[in-house]
N, C-alpha and C. Protein backbone atom coordinates (compact mmCIF):
# COMPACT_ATOMS: atom_id res chain seq x y z
N UNK A 1 -3.27 0.52 7.63
CA UNK A 1 -1.94 0.00 7.34
C UNK A 1 -1.09 0.09 8.61
N UNK A 2 -0.58 -1.03 9.07
CA UNK A 2 0.26 -1.02 10.27
C UNK A 2 1.62 -1.65 9.96
N UNK A 3 2.58 -1.46 10.86
CA UNK A 3 3.95 -1.91 10.64
C UNK A 3 4.07 -3.42 10.65
N UNK A 4 3.13 -4.12 11.28
CA UNK A 4 3.23 -5.57 11.38
C UNK A 4 2.74 -6.30 10.11
N UNK A 5 1.92 -5.62 9.31
CA UNK A 5 1.38 -6.29 8.11
C UNK A 5 2.51 -6.58 7.13
N UNK A 6 2.40 -7.69 6.42
CA UNK A 6 3.44 -8.09 5.48
C UNK A 6 3.40 -7.20 4.25
N UNK A 7 4.50 -6.49 4.04
CA UNK A 7 4.64 -5.63 2.88
C UNK A 7 5.84 -6.16 2.08
N UNK A 8 5.62 -6.40 0.80
CA UNK A 8 6.71 -6.89 -0.04
C UNK A 8 7.57 -5.72 -0.48
N UNK A 9 8.81 -5.69 0.00
CA UNK A 9 9.76 -4.64 -0.37
C UNK A 9 10.79 -5.23 -1.31
N UNK A 10 11.00 -4.58 -2.44
CA UNK A 10 12.01 -5.04 -3.39
C UNK A 10 13.37 -4.51 -2.99
N UNK A 11 14.29 -5.43 -2.73
CA UNK A 11 15.66 -5.05 -2.42
C UNK A 11 16.49 -5.33 -3.67
N UNK A 12 17.02 -4.27 -4.27
CA UNK A 12 17.79 -4.39 -5.51
C UNK A 12 19.28 -4.34 -5.17
N UNK A 13 19.97 -5.45 -5.39
CA UNK A 13 21.41 -5.49 -5.12
C UNK A 13 22.12 -4.83 -6.29
N UNK A 14 22.90 -3.79 -5.99
CA UNK A 14 23.57 -3.04 -7.06
C UNK A 14 25.04 -3.38 -7.20
N UNK A 15 25.69 -3.87 -6.13
CA UNK A 15 27.11 -4.17 -6.22
C UNK A 15 27.49 -5.21 -5.16
N UNK A 16 28.26 -6.19 -5.56
CA UNK A 16 28.82 -7.18 -4.64
C UNK A 16 30.34 -7.14 -4.82
N UNK A 17 31.06 -6.93 -3.72
CA UNK A 17 32.52 -6.89 -3.76
C UNK A 17 33.05 -8.17 -3.13
N UNK A 18 33.94 -8.85 -3.83
CA UNK A 18 34.54 -10.08 -3.30
C UNK A 18 36.04 -10.04 -3.49
N UNK A 19 36.71 -10.88 -2.74
CA UNK A 19 38.17 -10.96 -2.80
C UNK A 19 38.58 -12.43 -2.84
N UNK A 20 39.67 -12.70 -3.56
CA UNK A 20 40.24 -14.05 -3.54
C UNK A 20 41.74 -13.96 -3.77
N UNK A 21 42.43 -15.05 -3.51
CA UNK A 21 43.89 -15.12 -3.69
C UNK A 21 44.21 -16.17 -4.75
N UNK A 22 45.34 -15.95 -5.44
CA UNK A 22 45.75 -16.88 -6.49
C UNK A 22 46.85 -17.83 -6.04
N UNK A 23 47.43 -17.59 -4.88
CA UNK A 23 48.52 -18.39 -4.31
C UNK A 23 49.73 -18.48 -5.24
N UNK A 24 49.94 -17.42 -6.03
CA UNK A 24 51.15 -17.32 -6.84
C UNK A 24 51.43 -15.85 -7.13
N UNK A 25 52.68 -15.54 -7.41
CA UNK A 25 53.06 -14.17 -7.76
C UNK A 25 52.62 -13.90 -9.20
N UNK A 26 52.07 -12.71 -9.45
CA UNK A 26 51.59 -12.37 -10.79
C UNK A 26 52.45 -11.27 -11.39
N UNK A 27 52.90 -11.48 -12.62
CA UNK A 27 53.67 -10.49 -13.36
C UNK A 27 52.68 -9.54 -14.03
N UNK A 28 52.53 -8.35 -13.46
CA UNK A 28 51.52 -7.40 -13.95
C UNK A 28 51.82 -6.94 -15.38
N UNK A 29 53.09 -6.80 -15.71
CA UNK A 29 53.45 -6.37 -17.06
C UNK A 29 52.99 -7.40 -18.10
N UNK A 30 53.18 -8.69 -17.78
CA UNK A 30 52.75 -9.76 -18.69
C UNK A 30 51.24 -9.74 -18.85
N UNK A 31 50.50 -9.54 -17.73
CA UNK A 31 49.04 -9.47 -17.80
C UNK A 31 48.62 -8.29 -18.67
N UNK A 32 49.30 -7.14 -18.50
CA UNK A 32 48.96 -5.94 -19.27
C UNK A 32 49.23 -6.12 -20.76
N UNK A 33 50.32 -6.81 -21.10
CA UNK A 33 50.67 -6.98 -22.51
C UNK A 33 49.86 -8.07 -23.21
N UNK A 34 49.55 -9.16 -22.50
CA UNK A 34 48.92 -10.31 -23.14
C UNK A 34 47.44 -10.48 -22.81
N UNK A 35 46.96 -9.84 -21.75
CA UNK A 35 45.56 -9.99 -21.34
C UNK A 35 44.62 -9.13 -22.17
N UNK A 36 43.34 -9.46 -22.10
CA UNK A 36 42.30 -8.70 -22.81
C UNK A 36 41.53 -7.83 -21.83
N UNK A 37 41.08 -6.67 -22.30
CA UNK A 37 40.32 -5.71 -21.48
C UNK A 37 41.07 -5.35 -20.19
N UNK A 38 42.31 -4.90 -20.35
CA UNK A 38 43.20 -4.65 -19.21
C UNK A 38 43.67 -3.20 -19.20
N UNK A 39 43.74 -2.62 -17.99
CA UNK A 39 44.32 -1.30 -17.79
C UNK A 39 45.44 -1.47 -16.76
N UNK A 40 46.67 -1.10 -17.14
CA UNK A 40 47.83 -1.26 -16.25
C UNK A 40 48.09 0.07 -15.55
N UNK A 41 48.00 0.07 -14.23
CA UNK A 41 48.29 1.27 -13.43
C UNK A 41 49.63 1.04 -12.74
N UNK A 42 50.72 1.33 -13.46
CA UNK A 42 52.05 1.04 -12.96
C UNK A 42 52.42 1.86 -11.74
N UNK A 43 51.98 3.12 -11.69
CA UNK A 43 52.31 3.98 -10.56
C UNK A 43 51.70 3.47 -9.25
N UNK A 44 50.56 2.80 -9.31
CA UNK A 44 49.91 2.25 -8.12
C UNK A 44 50.30 0.79 -7.90
N UNK A 45 50.79 0.13 -8.94
CA UNK A 45 51.20 -1.27 -8.84
C UNK A 45 50.04 -2.25 -8.91
N UNK A 46 49.10 -1.98 -9.83
CA UNK A 46 47.96 -2.88 -9.99
C UNK A 46 47.50 -2.90 -11.43
N UNK A 47 46.69 -3.91 -11.74
CA UNK A 47 46.10 -4.05 -13.06
C UNK A 47 44.59 -4.13 -12.88
N UNK A 48 43.85 -3.42 -13.72
CA UNK A 48 42.38 -3.54 -13.75
C UNK A 48 42.01 -4.40 -14.94
N UNK A 49 41.22 -5.44 -14.69
CA UNK A 49 40.77 -6.31 -15.77
C UNK A 49 39.25 -6.37 -15.74
N UNK A 50 38.64 -6.20 -16.89
CA UNK A 50 37.18 -6.21 -16.96
C UNK A 50 36.69 -7.45 -17.70
N UNK A 51 35.63 -8.04 -17.17
CA UNK A 51 34.94 -9.14 -17.84
C UNK A 51 33.61 -8.61 -18.33
N UNK A 52 33.16 -9.13 -19.47
CA UNK A 52 31.87 -8.68 -19.99
C UNK A 52 30.71 -9.48 -19.44
N UNK A 53 30.94 -10.79 -19.22
CA UNK A 53 29.85 -11.62 -18.72
C UNK A 53 30.40 -12.57 -17.68
N UNK A 54 30.12 -12.43 -16.42
CA UNK A 54 29.33 -11.36 -15.80
C UNK A 54 30.11 -10.04 -15.81
N UNK A 55 29.40 -8.94 -15.81
CA UNK A 55 30.03 -7.63 -15.90
C UNK A 55 30.69 -7.28 -14.57
N UNK A 56 31.98 -7.59 -14.46
CA UNK A 56 32.73 -7.26 -13.24
C UNK A 56 34.06 -6.62 -13.62
N UNK A 57 34.60 -5.87 -12.66
CA UNK A 57 35.93 -5.28 -12.81
C UNK A 57 36.79 -5.84 -11.69
N UNK A 58 37.96 -6.32 -12.02
CA UNK A 58 38.87 -6.90 -11.03
C UNK A 58 40.11 -6.03 -10.90
N UNK A 59 40.52 -5.83 -9.66
CA UNK A 59 41.79 -5.17 -9.36
C UNK A 59 42.77 -6.25 -8.97
N UNK A 60 43.87 -6.36 -9.71
CA UNK A 60 44.83 -7.44 -9.51
C UNK A 60 46.15 -6.85 -9.03
N UNK A 61 46.68 -7.39 -7.93
CA UNK A 61 47.99 -6.99 -7.42
C UNK A 61 49.00 -8.10 -7.70
N UNK A 62 50.29 -7.74 -7.73
CA UNK A 62 51.34 -8.72 -8.03
C UNK A 62 51.45 -9.78 -6.94
N UNK A 63 50.99 -9.49 -5.73
CA UNK A 63 51.05 -10.47 -4.64
C UNK A 63 50.11 -11.65 -4.88
N UNK A 64 49.15 -11.48 -5.79
CA UNK A 64 48.19 -12.54 -6.07
C UNK A 64 46.82 -12.26 -5.49
N UNK A 65 46.65 -11.11 -4.84
CA UNK A 65 45.34 -10.74 -4.29
C UNK A 65 44.52 -10.08 -5.40
N UNK A 66 43.24 -10.49 -5.49
CA UNK A 66 42.34 -9.97 -6.52
C UNK A 66 41.04 -9.52 -5.86
N UNK A 67 40.59 -8.30 -6.18
CA UNK A 67 39.32 -7.79 -5.68
C UNK A 67 38.40 -7.60 -6.87
N UNK A 68 37.21 -8.20 -6.81
CA UNK A 68 36.23 -8.11 -7.90
C UNK A 68 35.05 -7.27 -7.46
N UNK A 69 34.64 -6.31 -8.29
CA UNK A 69 33.49 -5.46 -7.99
C UNK A 69 32.54 -5.46 -9.18
N UNK A 70 31.28 -5.13 -8.91
CA UNK A 70 30.32 -4.94 -9.99
C UNK A 70 29.31 -6.05 -10.17
N UNK A 71 29.45 -7.16 -9.47
CA UNK A 71 28.49 -8.25 -9.60
C UNK A 71 27.17 -7.86 -8.94
N UNK A 72 26.08 -8.53 -9.31
CA UNK A 72 24.78 -8.21 -8.74
C UNK A 72 24.22 -9.32 -7.86
N UNK A 73 25.04 -10.34 -7.59
CA UNK A 73 24.65 -11.39 -6.64
C UNK A 73 25.92 -12.09 -6.16
N UNK A 74 25.82 -12.81 -5.05
CA UNK A 74 26.98 -13.53 -4.54
C UNK A 74 27.41 -14.64 -5.49
N UNK A 75 26.44 -15.30 -6.12
CA UNK A 75 26.74 -16.37 -7.07
C UNK A 75 27.46 -15.82 -8.30
N UNK A 76 26.97 -14.67 -8.79
CA UNK A 76 27.60 -14.03 -9.95
C UNK A 76 29.02 -13.59 -9.62
N UNK A 77 29.23 -13.11 -8.39
CA UNK A 77 30.56 -12.69 -7.96
C UNK A 77 31.53 -13.87 -7.96
N UNK A 78 31.08 -15.01 -7.44
CA UNK A 78 31.94 -16.20 -7.41
C UNK A 78 32.23 -16.70 -8.82
N UNK A 79 31.20 -16.72 -9.66
CA UNK A 79 31.37 -17.15 -11.05
C UNK A 79 32.36 -16.25 -11.78
N UNK A 80 32.23 -14.93 -11.58
CA UNK A 80 33.14 -13.98 -12.22
C UNK A 80 34.56 -14.11 -11.72
N UNK A 81 34.71 -14.34 -10.41
CA UNK A 81 36.04 -14.52 -9.83
C UNK A 81 36.70 -15.78 -10.39
N UNK A 82 35.93 -16.85 -10.53
CA UNK A 82 36.48 -18.09 -11.09
C UNK A 82 36.87 -17.90 -12.57
N UNK A 83 36.05 -17.16 -13.31
CA UNK A 83 36.38 -16.88 -14.72
C UNK A 83 37.66 -16.07 -14.82
N UNK A 84 37.82 -15.13 -13.90
CA UNK A 84 39.02 -14.30 -13.88
C UNK A 84 40.25 -15.14 -13.58
N UNK A 85 40.14 -16.04 -12.58
CA UNK A 85 41.25 -16.94 -12.24
C UNK A 85 41.60 -17.81 -13.44
N UNK A 86 40.59 -18.26 -14.16
CA UNK A 86 40.82 -19.10 -15.35
C UNK A 86 41.56 -18.30 -16.45
N UNK A 87 41.18 -17.03 -16.63
CA UNK A 87 41.86 -16.23 -17.66
C UNK A 87 43.32 -15.96 -17.26
N UNK A 88 43.61 -15.86 -15.96
CA UNK A 88 44.99 -15.71 -15.51
C UNK A 88 45.77 -17.01 -15.74
N UNK A 89 45.09 -18.16 -15.55
CA UNK A 89 45.72 -19.44 -15.83
C UNK A 89 46.10 -19.55 -17.31
N UNK A 90 45.22 -19.07 -18.17
CA UNK A 90 45.46 -19.13 -19.62
C UNK A 90 46.64 -18.25 -20.04
N UNK A 91 46.98 -17.26 -19.20
CA UNK A 91 48.14 -16.41 -19.48
C UNK A 91 49.45 -17.07 -19.02
N UNK A 92 49.32 -18.25 -18.38
CA UNK A 92 50.51 -19.00 -18.00
C UNK A 92 50.87 -18.98 -16.53
N UNK A 93 50.02 -18.43 -15.67
CA UNK A 93 50.30 -18.40 -14.24
C UNK A 93 49.74 -19.66 -13.57
N UNK A 94 50.42 -20.11 -12.51
CA UNK A 94 49.99 -21.30 -11.76
C UNK A 94 48.95 -20.89 -10.71
N UNK A 95 47.80 -20.45 -11.15
CA UNK A 95 46.76 -19.90 -10.27
C UNK A 95 46.00 -21.02 -9.58
N UNK A 96 45.83 -20.88 -8.26
CA UNK A 96 44.97 -21.77 -7.47
C UNK A 96 43.94 -20.86 -6.80
N UNK A 97 42.68 -21.05 -7.12
CA UNK A 97 41.59 -20.20 -6.62
C UNK A 97 41.34 -20.51 -5.14
N UNK A 98 41.76 -19.62 -4.24
CA UNK A 98 41.59 -19.85 -2.79
C UNK A 98 41.11 -18.60 -2.08
N UNK A 99 40.69 -18.79 -0.84
CA UNK A 99 40.29 -17.71 0.09
C UNK A 99 39.23 -16.78 -0.50
N UNK A 100 38.27 -17.34 -1.25
CA UNK A 100 37.20 -16.51 -1.80
C UNK A 100 36.31 -16.02 -0.65
N UNK A 101 35.98 -14.74 -0.68
CA UNK A 101 35.15 -14.17 0.38
C UNK A 101 34.38 -12.96 -0.16
N UNK A 102 33.09 -12.90 0.11
CA UNK A 102 32.30 -11.72 -0.21
C UNK A 102 32.52 -10.73 0.94
N UNK A 103 33.01 -9.54 0.63
CA UNK A 103 33.36 -8.59 1.69
C UNK A 103 32.36 -7.45 1.82
N UNK A 104 31.56 -7.18 0.78
CA UNK A 104 30.66 -6.04 0.84
C UNK A 104 29.52 -6.22 -0.15
N UNK A 105 28.32 -5.84 0.27
CA UNK A 105 27.15 -5.87 -0.60
C UNK A 105 26.45 -4.53 -0.49
N UNK A 106 26.14 -3.91 -1.63
CA UNK A 106 25.44 -2.64 -1.66
C UNK A 106 24.07 -2.87 -2.31
N UNK A 107 23.02 -2.42 -1.63
CA UNK A 107 21.66 -2.63 -2.15
C UNK A 107 20.83 -1.37 -1.95
N UNK A 108 19.75 -1.27 -2.73
CA UNK A 108 18.83 -0.14 -2.65
C UNK A 108 17.42 -0.69 -2.43
N UNK A 109 16.68 -0.03 -1.55
CA UNK A 109 15.31 -0.43 -1.26
C UNK A 109 14.44 0.82 -1.19
N UNK A 110 13.28 0.79 -1.83
CA UNK A 110 12.37 1.94 -1.79
C UNK A 110 11.17 1.62 -0.93
N UNK A 111 10.92 2.47 0.07
CA UNK A 111 9.73 2.34 0.92
C UNK A 111 8.53 2.91 0.18
N UNK A 112 7.34 2.39 0.44
CA UNK A 112 6.15 2.90 -0.26
C UNK A 112 5.62 4.21 0.33
N UNK A 113 6.44 4.91 1.11
CA UNK A 113 6.05 6.17 1.73
C UNK A 113 7.28 7.03 1.94
N UNK A 114 7.06 8.34 2.20
CA UNK A 114 8.17 9.24 2.51
C UNK A 114 8.42 9.22 4.02
N UNK A 115 9.60 9.68 4.44
CA UNK A 115 10.01 9.57 5.84
C UNK A 115 10.37 10.96 6.38
N UNK A 116 9.91 11.24 7.61
CA UNK A 116 10.30 12.47 8.32
C UNK A 116 11.64 12.19 9.01
N UNK A 117 12.71 12.70 8.43
CA UNK A 117 14.05 12.39 8.93
C UNK A 117 14.34 12.96 10.33
N UNK A 118 13.97 14.22 10.65
CA UNK A 118 14.25 14.72 12.01
C UNK A 118 13.54 13.90 13.09
N UNK A 119 12.30 13.52 12.82
CA UNK A 119 11.54 12.70 13.77
C UNK A 119 12.16 11.31 13.92
N UNK A 120 12.56 10.71 12.79
CA UNK A 120 13.20 9.40 12.82
C UNK A 120 14.50 9.44 13.63
N UNK A 121 15.30 10.49 13.43
CA UNK A 121 16.57 10.61 14.14
C UNK A 121 16.35 10.79 15.64
N UNK A 122 15.33 11.59 16.00
CA UNK A 122 15.04 11.82 17.42
C UNK A 122 14.60 10.52 18.11
N UNK A 123 13.82 9.70 17.42
CA UNK A 123 13.34 8.43 17.98
C UNK A 123 14.44 7.37 18.07
N UNK A 124 15.46 7.47 17.23
CA UNK A 124 16.52 6.44 17.17
C UNK A 124 17.90 7.06 17.35
N UNK A 125 18.03 7.95 18.35
CA UNK A 125 19.26 8.71 18.52
C UNK A 125 20.51 7.85 18.74
N UNK A 126 20.37 6.70 19.37
CA UNK A 126 21.54 5.86 19.68
C UNK A 126 22.19 5.26 18.43
N UNK A 127 21.40 5.03 17.37
CA UNK A 127 21.94 4.39 16.17
C UNK A 127 22.00 5.32 14.96
N UNK A 128 21.25 6.41 14.99
CA UNK A 128 21.11 7.27 13.82
C UNK A 128 21.85 8.59 13.99
N UNK A 129 22.42 9.08 12.90
CA UNK A 129 23.01 10.42 12.89
C UNK A 129 22.52 11.14 11.64
N UNK A 130 22.11 12.40 11.83
CA UNK A 130 21.55 13.18 10.73
C UNK A 130 22.15 14.58 10.77
N UNK A 131 22.91 14.90 9.75
CA UNK A 131 23.51 16.23 9.59
C UNK A 131 23.04 16.77 8.24
N UNK A 132 21.89 17.47 8.20
CA UNK A 132 21.35 17.91 6.90
C UNK A 132 22.25 18.88 6.14
N UNK A 133 23.16 19.58 6.86
CA UNK A 133 24.07 20.50 6.16
C UNK A 133 25.17 19.74 5.42
N UNK A 134 25.47 18.50 5.88
CA UNK A 134 26.54 17.73 5.27
C UNK A 134 26.05 16.69 4.26
N UNK A 135 24.94 16.02 4.60
CA UNK A 135 24.44 14.93 3.75
C UNK A 135 22.92 14.85 3.89
N UNK A 136 22.18 14.63 2.80
CA UNK A 136 20.72 14.65 2.87
C UNK A 136 20.07 13.41 3.51
N UNK A 137 20.88 12.45 3.94
CA UNK A 137 20.31 11.21 4.48
C UNK A 137 20.70 11.00 5.93
N UNK A 138 19.90 10.17 6.61
CA UNK A 138 20.23 9.72 7.96
C UNK A 138 21.14 8.50 7.82
N UNK A 139 22.22 8.48 8.58
CA UNK A 139 23.11 7.32 8.60
C UNK A 139 22.71 6.48 9.82
N UNK A 140 22.23 5.27 9.57
CA UNK A 140 21.76 4.38 10.63
C UNK A 140 22.64 3.13 10.63
N UNK A 141 23.28 2.86 11.76
CA UNK A 141 24.19 1.71 11.85
C UNK A 141 23.60 0.62 12.72
N UNK A 142 23.66 -0.62 12.22
CA UNK A 142 23.26 -1.80 12.99
C UNK A 142 24.54 -2.60 13.24
N UNK A 143 25.10 -2.46 14.44
CA UNK A 143 26.39 -3.08 14.74
C UNK A 143 26.34 -4.61 14.72
N UNK A 144 25.24 -5.21 15.18
CA UNK A 144 25.15 -6.67 15.22
C UNK A 144 25.23 -7.29 13.83
N UNK A 145 24.69 -6.61 12.82
CA UNK A 145 24.72 -7.10 11.44
C UNK A 145 25.90 -6.54 10.64
N UNK A 146 26.61 -5.58 11.24
CA UNK A 146 27.68 -4.84 10.56
C UNK A 146 27.14 -4.20 9.28
N UNK A 147 25.95 -3.60 9.38
CA UNK A 147 25.29 -2.97 8.23
C UNK A 147 25.10 -1.48 8.49
N UNK A 148 25.19 -0.70 7.41
CA UNK A 148 24.97 0.73 7.46
C UNK A 148 23.88 1.08 6.47
N UNK A 149 22.90 1.87 6.91
CA UNK A 149 21.79 2.26 6.05
C UNK A 149 21.79 3.77 5.87
N UNK A 150 21.63 4.22 4.65
CA UNK A 150 21.45 5.64 4.35
C UNK A 150 19.97 5.81 4.03
N UNK A 151 19.25 6.52 4.91
CA UNK A 151 17.80 6.66 4.77
C UNK A 151 17.49 8.07 4.28
N UNK A 152 16.84 8.18 3.12
CA UNK A 152 16.51 9.46 2.51
C UNK A 152 15.04 9.79 2.77
N UNK A 153 14.71 11.07 2.72
CA UNK A 153 13.34 11.51 3.01
C UNK A 153 12.34 11.01 1.96
N UNK A 154 12.81 10.67 0.77
CA UNK A 154 11.94 10.16 -0.29
C UNK A 154 11.47 8.74 -0.02
N UNK A 155 12.10 8.07 0.95
CA UNK A 155 11.77 6.68 1.25
C UNK A 155 12.79 5.72 0.67
N UNK A 156 13.77 6.24 -0.03
CA UNK A 156 14.83 5.39 -0.60
C UNK A 156 15.86 5.08 0.49
N UNK A 157 16.25 3.81 0.58
CA UNK A 157 17.23 3.38 1.57
C UNK A 157 18.35 2.65 0.85
N UNK A 158 19.59 3.10 1.09
CA UNK A 158 20.78 2.44 0.55
C UNK A 158 21.41 1.65 1.69
N UNK A 159 21.59 0.36 1.48
CA UNK A 159 22.09 -0.53 2.53
C UNK A 159 23.45 -1.08 2.13
N UNK A 160 24.40 -1.01 3.05
CA UNK A 160 25.72 -1.61 2.86
C UNK A 160 25.94 -2.62 3.96
N UNK A 161 26.28 -3.86 3.59
CA UNK A 161 26.48 -4.90 4.59
C UNK A 161 27.48 -5.93 4.11
N UNK A 162 27.87 -6.85 5.00
CA UNK A 162 28.88 -7.84 4.64
C UNK A 162 28.39 -8.95 3.71
N UNK A 163 27.08 -9.20 3.67
CA UNK A 163 26.54 -10.22 2.76
C UNK A 163 25.06 -9.94 2.50
N UNK A 164 24.48 -10.69 1.58
CA UNK A 164 23.09 -10.46 1.16
C UNK A 164 22.12 -10.72 2.32
N UNK A 165 22.40 -11.74 3.13
CA UNK A 165 21.54 -12.07 4.26
C UNK A 165 21.47 -10.91 5.26
N UNK A 166 22.63 -10.30 5.55
CA UNK A 166 22.69 -9.17 6.48
C UNK A 166 21.95 -7.96 5.94
N UNK A 167 22.02 -7.75 4.63
CA UNK A 167 21.31 -6.63 4.00
C UNK A 167 19.80 -6.82 4.13
N UNK A 168 19.32 -8.03 3.85
CA UNK A 168 17.89 -8.33 3.97
C UNK A 168 17.42 -8.19 5.42
N UNK A 169 18.21 -8.67 6.37
CA UNK A 169 17.86 -8.55 7.79
C UNK A 169 17.82 -7.09 8.22
N UNK A 170 18.75 -6.29 7.71
CA UNK A 170 18.79 -4.86 8.06
C UNK A 170 17.53 -4.14 7.59
N UNK A 171 17.07 -4.46 6.38
CA UNK A 171 15.84 -3.83 5.87
C UNK A 171 14.63 -4.28 6.70
N UNK A 172 14.59 -5.56 7.09
CA UNK A 172 13.50 -6.05 7.94
C UNK A 172 13.50 -5.36 9.30
N UNK A 173 14.69 -5.12 9.87
CA UNK A 173 14.80 -4.48 11.17
C UNK A 173 14.41 -3.01 11.13
N UNK A 174 14.75 -2.32 10.04
CA UNK A 174 14.54 -0.87 9.97
C UNK A 174 13.09 -0.52 9.63
N UNK A 175 12.37 -1.43 8.98
CA UNK A 175 11.02 -1.11 8.50
C UNK A 175 10.09 -0.58 9.60
N UNK A 176 9.97 -1.23 10.78
CA UNK A 176 9.06 -0.69 11.80
C UNK A 176 9.44 0.72 12.27
N UNK A 177 10.74 1.02 12.31
CA UNK A 177 11.18 2.33 12.78
C UNK A 177 10.87 3.42 11.75
N UNK A 178 11.07 3.14 10.46
CA UNK A 178 10.77 4.14 9.45
C UNK A 178 9.25 4.28 9.27
N UNK A 179 8.52 3.19 9.54
CA UNK A 179 7.06 3.23 9.42
C UNK A 179 6.49 4.21 10.44
N UNK A 180 7.05 4.26 11.65
CA UNK A 180 6.60 5.20 12.69
C UNK A 180 6.77 6.65 12.26
N UNK A 181 7.80 6.94 11.44
CA UNK A 181 8.12 8.30 11.06
C UNK A 181 7.71 8.64 9.63
N UNK A 182 6.73 7.91 9.09
CA UNK A 182 6.32 8.18 7.70
C UNK A 182 5.52 9.48 7.63
N UNK A 183 5.55 10.09 6.43
CA UNK A 183 4.80 11.34 6.23
C UNK A 183 3.34 11.06 5.94
């Protein structure tokens, strides 16, 4: 088994965070009183609204900015954001769905082997930091992709990146390095 051979790694996307604007001022009190599945956080000045399908949670500010979390794909995030904008329209706001952007993707990938973390950190000192007293994983940053990987000794890797493509590229880039340090 060598690092160059094609190994199918399952990358499971666990969370996609997106943001969009409504281009209108939103009355949070009206959303809280008339909306469904709503939590009004008056002290912070925001409303949390949950959708069941797709299962997402939206944070809504009175300025019209909306952040959606909990989707499992970029398409699902956009669909959920559009559904949320539509439900705000039904409450009587002049919502225009604009500036949609996926800002963060969280994924998990399991390697078919365990990893020697001290050896991995020593080989990749410029990008990796490992403090076993603080956190059980190596933090590996890929600046070109704007991705951060948490590499655990069990072979589990948690990847955070700006989009799904960057997450997949990060896993492809890290595989040869973790393969060198396998147990």
